[in-house]
Structure formats: C-alpha cells, structure tokens
Amino acid sequence: MSNSSPTVTLQGNVLNVAGEVDANSVVALRNQGEKLISGLQGSLTVDLTGLLTAHSVVLSMLMCWYRLGSSKQLSISFKGANERLRSLAALSNLDDQLPGFSAHS
C-alpha cells in the first residue's frame, strides 16, 4: 500500500480532501478541517475527488464537518465522492444527511 498522507486544503469556498484517510490519520485531518471551516461564512463545497479511501471513519469526519457548518449557518455540500464511499453512506443511512451523496440529490 502506498502511504499517501491525507490533506485538507481550503481554496476560496472549496475544501479539498485528498489522500488516504484511515483510523490513525482521521482525527488530525478532522481537526484541521474544523479549523478551516470555523472561519467561513455562507457556503462551502467539500471536494472529495482526491480522496483515495472509502472508510466509515471518513463518513464520521464528514458528518462532524457538516454538523459544525450547520451550527454556524454554513451551507455545506459534498462533491466527488467515489462510488464506494457513496455505497457506504447509503448502507449507513447517511446519504440523505450529506448533501451531494444521495442518488436523488
């Protein structure tokens, strides 16, 4: 396995998540994302195109970010989720809670 360290970067109102996220790296990544999200207003798109993994810890992180955004009246949507992550969200009944994940959104 390659070890592509995960990154989260903010460009304008797009939060880019890239690399491989696992149980060991997710907490630091989540905290970094929360710091970036905390300073925002209006709307945010979380771009998951560069994300290489589909894991339940990723969904947990995205839900944390979504709740944080909601608490700050920030409109958050997600794009670029890979098929495996979408399937995992659907199996976890989270696809309707994460804008951009649902097959009918």
Protein backbone atom coordinates (compact mmCIF):
# COMPACT_ATOMS: atom_id res chain seq x y z
CA MET A 1 0.00 0.00 0.00
CA SER A 2 1.19 3.47 -0.77
CA ASN A 3 1.05 5.86 2.12
CA SER A 4 -0.41 8.98 0.63
CA SER A 5 -0.82 11.20 3.67
CA PRO A 6 -4.23 12.84 3.70
CA THR A 7 -4.52 16.58 3.28
CA VAL A 8 -7.29 19.10 3.64
CA THR A 9 -6.87 22.50 1.99
CA LEU A 10 -9.15 25.46 1.54
CA GLN A 11 -9.32 27.36 -1.75
CA GLY A 12 -11.95 30.05 -1.63
CA ASN A 13 -15.13 28.27 -0.57
CA VAL A 14 -13.94 24.79 -1.60
CA LEU A 15 -12.42 22.42 0.94
CA ASN A 16 -10.32 19.81 -0.88
CA VAL A 17 -9.74 16.46 0.80
CA ALA A 18 -7.06 14.24 -0.73
CA GLY A 19 -5.02 11.16 0.02
CA GLU A 20 -5.72 8.08 2.09
CA VAL A 21 -7.63 8.51 5.34
CA ASP A 22 -7.62 5.79 7.98
CA ALA A 23 -8.34 5.45 11.68
CA ASN A 24 -4.84 6.71 12.52
CA SER A 25 -4.98 9.87 10.43
CA VAL A 26 -8.64 10.85 10.62
CA VAL A 27 -8.56 12.77 13.92
CA ALA A 28 -5.79 15.15 12.84
CA LEU A 29 -7.49 15.63 9.48
CA ARG A 30 -10.86 16.29 11.10
CA ASN A 31 -9.35 18.86 13.46
CA GLN A 32 -7.58 20.60 10.58
CA GLY A 33 -10.82 20.71 8.59
CA GLU A 34 -12.74 22.07 11.57
CA LYS A 35 -10.24 24.91 11.97
CA LEU A 36 -10.68 25.84 8.31
CA ILE A 37 -14.48 25.55 8.43
CA SER A 38 -14.72 27.64 11.61
CA GLY A 39 -13.55 30.77 9.82
CA LEU A 40 -16.02 30.52 6.95
CA GLN A 41 -19.39 32.10 6.21
CA GLY A 42 -22.04 31.46 3.58
CA SER A 43 -21.48 28.23 1.74
CA LEU A 44 -18.82 25.58 1.39
CA THR A 45 -18.27 22.73 -1.04
CA VAL A 46 -16.25 19.79 0.23
CA ASP A 47 -14.50 18.26 -2.78
CA LEU A 48 -13.71 14.58 -2.25
CA THR A 49 -12.36 13.93 -5.75
CA GLY A 50 -8.81 13.42 -4.46
CA LEU A 51 -9.85 11.10 -1.62
CA LEU A 52 -8.41 7.62 -2.18
CA THR A 53 -10.25 5.71 0.54
CA ALA A 54 -13.79 4.75 1.44
CA HIS A 55 -13.97 4.09 5.16
CA SER A 56 -16.53 4.57 7.91
CA VAL A 57 -14.13 6.97 9.67
CA VAL A 58 -14.32 9.24 6.60
CA LEU A 59 -18.12 9.38 6.87
CA SER A 60 -17.82 10.17 10.56
CA MET A 61 -15.42 13.03 9.78
CA LEU A 62 -17.74 14.41 7.07
CA MET A 63 -20.71 14.29 9.46
CA CYS A 64 -18.67 16.20 12.08
CA TRP A 65 -17.82 18.85 9.50
CA TYR A 66 -21.43 19.02 8.35
CA ARG A 67 -22.71 19.49 11.92
CA LEU A 68 -20.09 22.16 12.60
CA GLY A 69 -21.11 24.00 9.43
CA SER A 70 -24.79 23.76 10.31
CA SER A 71 -24.13 25.16 13.77
CA LYS A 72 -22.51 28.18 12.09
CA GLN A 73 -25.31 28.59 9.50
CA LEU A 74 -22.84 27.46 6.85
CA SER A 75 -24.35 25.65 3.89
CA ILE A 76 -22.18 22.62 3.17
CA SER A 77 -22.39 20.30 0.20
CA PHE A 78 -20.17 17.45 -0.92
CA LYS A 79 -18.95 16.55 -4.39
CA GLY A 80 -16.67 13.99 -5.97
CA ALA A 81 -17.38 11.14 -3.53
CA ASN A 82 -16.27 7.86 -5.03
CA GLU A 83 -18.74 5.03 -5.60
CA ARG A 84 -17.53 3.01 -2.62
CA LEU A 85 -17.93 5.96 -0.26
CA ARG A 86 -21.42 6.65 -1.66
CA SER A 87 -22.36 2.99 -1.14
CA LEU A 88 -21.03 3.08 2.41
CA ALA A 89 -23.06 6.24 3.09
CA ALA A 90 -26.19 4.57 1.70
CA LEU A 91 -25.63 1.44 3.81
CA SER A 92 -25.20 3.66 6.87
CA ASN A 93 -28.35 5.65 6.00
CA LEU A 94 -26.23 8.80 5.84
CA ASP A 95 -26.63 9.52 2.12
CA ASP A 96 -29.70 11.70 2.73
CA GLN A 97 -27.94 13.60 5.52
CA LEU A 98 -24.88 14.50 3.46
CA PRO A 99 -25.86 16.86 0.61
CA GLY A 100 -24.38 15.61 -2.64
CA PHE A 101 -24.27 11.95 -1.59
CA SER A 102 -27.83 10.91 -2.23
CA ALA A 103 -28.71 9.28 -5.55
CA HIS A 104 -31.74 11.56 -5.68
CA SER A 105 -29.98 14.86 -4.98
